[in-house]
Amino acid sequence: MKICLFGGTFDPPHIGHLLIAQTVCEEESFDKILFIPAYKPPHKNHVTPVGKRVDMLRLAISENPNFDISDIELNRKGISYSIDTIQSIKESMNLTTDNCYFLVGTDTLLDFHKWKKPREILNSCQVIVAIRPGFRPSDLDPWILHKVHFANVPRFEISSKTIRTRWVENKTIRYMVSLPVWDYINKNNLYIKK
């Protein structure tokens, strides 16, 4: 089985996440894209409670048979480090470095050298990078650049942070998230001014 791990805060999950995951799934012939919501992201503060983020992610991916959610970081609790998740999933699913893939965006890749055991991540799985607008490969350290694979995915500028900001400013987020996610944000009064 060829699996791609897609970790993130997903606060909220948006159309960009879904488009990238679907495109990578088709381009690389994955059996499954495994979305892994972070319990406590190491480099972010003030995130929406994990239960609400998971609810939104379930709504966002519910109709795609190629998508699934792993609760590995939710069960482990504590700070969610990618290397711990990759090793646990490889062991539980009997995956090797050759058939375990890890999807990241270029926005997070620029801080990759600050992650826990980044070299070990590169040696534990195949890292696939979804390129965001404005990214230049020359911005990466060579030891990272030579170990990653850039995915041929649509490039567009959308982020969870932009969506949260627009919501607070009473601007539309229509077409940025799926309708069920939009309804959930609205019904649960997420992203209100504090």
Protein backbone atom coordinates (compact mmCIF):
# COMPACT_ATOMS: atom_id res chain seq x y z
CA MET A 1 0.00 0.00 0.00
CA LYS A 2 1.28 3.45 -0.96
CA ILE A 3 0.35 6.03 1.69
CA CYS A 4 0.84 9.78 1.87
CA LEU A 5 0.78 11.46 5.28
CA PHE A 6 -0.57 15.00 5.32
CA GLY A 7 -0.15 16.61 8.71
CA GLY A 8 -1.28 20.04 9.75
CA THR A 9 -3.26 22.23 12.07
CA PHE A 10 -6.20 22.45 9.63
CA ASP A 11 -7.59 25.56 11.33
CA PRO A 12 -9.74 25.51 9.21
CA PRO A 13 -9.24 22.88 6.50
CA HIS A 14 -9.69 24.69 3.20
CA ILE A 15 -10.08 24.06 -0.51
CA GLY A 16 -6.31 24.41 -0.97
CA HIS A 17 -5.67 21.46 1.34
CA LEU A 18 -8.20 19.36 -0.57
CA LEU A 19 -7.00 20.32 -4.05
CA ILE A 20 -3.37 19.64 -3.18
CA ALA A 21 -4.22 16.29 -1.57
CA GLN A 22 -6.38 15.17 -4.50
CA THR A 23 -3.84 16.26 -7.12
CA VAL A 24 -0.95 14.56 -5.32
CA CYS A 25 -3.07 11.43 -4.87
CA GLU A 26 -3.69 11.25 -8.62
CA GLU A 27 -0.18 12.27 -9.73
CA GLU A 28 1.61 9.82 -7.42
CA SER A 29 -1.01 7.01 -7.56
CA PHE A 30 -1.49 6.87 -3.80
CA ASP A 31 -3.87 4.38 -2.27
CA LYS A 32 -4.67 6.80 0.53
CA ILE A 33 -4.00 10.35 1.70
CA LEU A 34 -3.95 10.23 5.49
CA PHE A 35 -4.78 13.61 7.04
CA ILE A 36 -3.15 13.96 10.46
CA PRO A 37 -4.50 16.82 12.57
CA ALA A 38 -1.94 18.07 15.08
CA TYR A 39 -2.96 17.80 18.71
CA LYS A 40 -0.67 20.66 19.72
CA PRO A 41 1.41 22.18 16.90
CA PRO A 42 4.95 22.95 18.09
CA HIS A 43 5.28 26.26 16.24
CA LYS A 44 1.80 27.75 16.65
CA ASN A 45 -0.10 29.33 19.52
CA HIS A 46 -3.77 30.19 19.90
CA VAL A 47 -5.23 27.41 17.75
CA THR A 48 -8.86 26.31 17.73
CA PRO A 49 -9.51 23.37 20.11
CA VAL A 50 -8.52 20.10 18.49
CA GLY A 51 -12.03 18.59 18.64
CA LYS A 52 -13.45 21.39 16.51
CA ARG A 53 -10.56 21.16 14.02
CA VAL A 54 -11.13 17.42 13.67
CA ASP A 55 -14.88 17.94 13.20
CA MET A 56 -14.19 20.40 10.36
CA LEU A 57 -11.65 18.06 8.77
CA ARG A 58 -14.14 15.16 8.86
CA LEU A 59 -16.72 17.36 7.13
CA ALA A 60 -14.19 18.51 4.53
CA ILE A 61 -13.00 15.03 3.46
CA SER A 62 -16.14 12.95 4.08
CA GLU A 63 -17.05 12.39 0.45
CA ASN A 64 -13.62 11.37 -0.83
CA PRO A 65 -12.84 7.63 -0.56
CA ASN A 66 -9.12 8.33 -1.05
CA PHE A 67 -8.96 10.51 2.06
CA ASP A 68 -8.89 9.39 5.68
CA ILE A 69 -7.99 10.84 9.08
CA SER A 70 -5.44 9.44 11.52
CA ASP A 71 -6.00 10.14 15.20
CA ILE A 72 -2.44 9.17 16.13
CA GLU A 73 -1.46 12.63 17.38
CA LEU A 74 -4.78 13.07 19.18
CA ASN A 75 -4.24 9.84 21.10
CA ARG A 76 -0.59 10.61 21.86
CA LYS A 77 -1.47 14.14 23.08
CA GLY A 78 1.32 16.57 23.92
CA ILE A 79 3.26 18.45 21.27
CA SER A 80 2.84 16.93 17.81
CA TYR A 81 6.23 16.24 16.25
CA SER A 82 6.26 14.91 12.68
CA ILE A 83 9.15 12.51 13.23
CA ASP A 84 7.27 10.73 16.05
CA THR A 85 4.15 10.46 13.89
CA ILE A 86 6.01 9.17 10.84
CA GLN A 87 7.81 6.49 12.85
CA SER A 88 4.62 5.38 14.62
CA ILE A 89 2.61 5.15 11.41
CA LYS A 90 5.39 3.30 9.58
CA GLU A 91 5.49 0.75 12.37
CA SER A 92 1.71 0.33 12.75
CA MET A 93 1.08 0.08 8.99
CA ASN A 94 4.23 -1.90 8.20
CA LEU A 95 5.49 0.78 5.78
CA THR A 96 9.03 1.25 4.53
CA THR A 97 10.89 4.41 3.59
CA ASP A 98 10.03 3.63 -0.04
CA ASN A 99 6.25 3.50 0.36
CA CYS A 100 5.73 6.10 3.09
CA TYR A 101 5.33 9.65 1.83
CA PHE A 102 4.99 12.91 3.75
CA LEU A 103 3.33 15.94 2.16
CA VAL A 104 4.28 19.48 3.19
CA GLY A 105 3.81 22.94 1.74
CA THR A 106 6.69 25.25 0.89
CA ASP A 107 5.55 27.65 3.61
CA THR A 108 6.37 25.05 6.27
CA LEU A 109 9.41 23.73 4.41
CA LEU A 110 11.19 27.07 4.85
CA ASP A 111 11.22 26.39 8.61
CA PHE A 112 11.96 22.69 8.20
CA HIS A 113 15.51 22.99 9.56
CA LYS A 114 13.95 24.08 12.91
CA TRP A 115 11.78 20.96 13.19
CA LYS A 116 12.58 18.11 15.56
CA LYS A 117 15.08 15.77 13.84
CA PRO A 118 14.63 17.14 10.28
CA ARG A 119 17.38 14.97 8.78
CA GLU A 120 15.77 11.89 10.30
CA ILE A 121 12.45 12.85 8.69
CA LEU A 122 14.14 13.07 5.29
CA ASN A 123 15.66 9.61 5.82
CA SER A 124 12.45 8.03 7.17
CA CYS A 125 10.12 8.76 4.27
CA GLN A 126 9.74 10.39 0.87
CA VAL A 127 9.00 14.10 1.40
CA ILE A 128 6.71 15.63 -1.23
CA VAL A 129 6.45 19.40 -1.41
CA ALA A 130 3.45 21.36 -2.67
CA ILE A 131 4.82 24.64 -4.00
CA ARG A 132 3.13 27.85 -2.90
CA PRO A 133 3.32 31.12 -4.87
CA GLY A 134 6.50 33.10 -4.32
CA PHE A 135 8.61 30.08 -3.36
CA ARG A 136 12.15 29.79 -4.73
CA PRO A 137 14.06 26.51 -4.33
CA SER A 138 17.21 28.57 -3.73
CA ASP A 139 15.66 29.62 -0.38
CA LEU A 140 16.27 26.09 0.95
CA ASP A 141 19.42 24.63 2.43
CA PRO A 142 20.99 22.19 -0.07
CA TRP A 143 20.74 19.25 2.37
CA ILE A 144 16.95 19.71 2.33
CA LEU A 145 16.58 20.57 -1.36
CA HIS A 146 18.34 17.40 -2.52
CA LYS A 147 16.10 15.11 -0.46
CA VAL A 148 12.63 16.41 -1.36
CA HIS A 149 10.39 15.89 -4.37
CA PHE A 150 8.37 18.84 -5.70
CA ALA A 151 4.80 17.93 -6.63
CA ASN A 152 3.11 19.19 -9.76
CA VAL A 153 0.10 20.83 -8.10
CA PRO A 154 -1.97 23.93 -8.78
CA ARG A 155 -0.46 27.06 -7.28
CA PHE A 156 -2.74 29.53 -5.56
CA GLU A 157 -2.59 31.78 -2.54
CA ILE A 158 -4.92 30.63 0.21
CA SER A 159 -4.15 29.96 3.84
CA SER A 160 -6.02 29.14 7.02
CA LYS A 161 -4.70 32.37 8.56
CA THR A 162 -6.18 34.43 5.70
CA ILE A 163 -9.52 32.66 6.14
CA ARG A 164 -9.60 33.34 9.88
CA THR A 165 -8.69 37.01 9.32
CA ARG A 166 -11.34 37.46 6.63
CA TRP A 167 -13.97 35.89 8.91
CA VAL A 168 -13.13 38.26 11.76
CA GLU A 169 -13.28 41.21 9.32
CA ASN A 170 -16.71 40.04 8.14
CA LYS A 171 -15.42 39.32 4.62
CA THR A 172 -16.54 36.32 2.63
CA ILE A 173 -14.69 33.02 2.75
CA ARG A 174 -17.02 31.52 0.18
CA TYR A 175 -15.15 29.17 -2.17
CA MET A 176 -12.20 29.03 0.26
CA VAL A 177 -13.76 26.29 2.40
CA SER A 178 -16.41 23.69 1.64
CA LEU A 179 -19.99 24.59 2.50
CA PRO A 180 -20.18 22.10 5.43
CA VAL A 181 -17.03 23.67 6.92
CA TRP A 182 -18.45 27.17 6.40
CA ASP A 183 -21.66 26.10 8.21
CA TYR A 184 -19.64 24.60 11.06
CA ILE A 185 -17.56 27.78 11.52
CA ASN A 186 -20.74 29.84 11.55
CA LYS A 187 -22.74 27.60 13.93
CA ASN A 188 -19.86 27.29 16.39
CA ASN A 189 -18.89 30.98 16.33
CA LEU A 190 -15.29 30.15 15.49
CA TYR A 191 -12.80 32.89 14.65
CA ILE A 192 -14.65 35.68 16.42
CA LYS A 193 -12.76 38.79 17.53
CA LYS A 194 -11.21 38.33 20.94
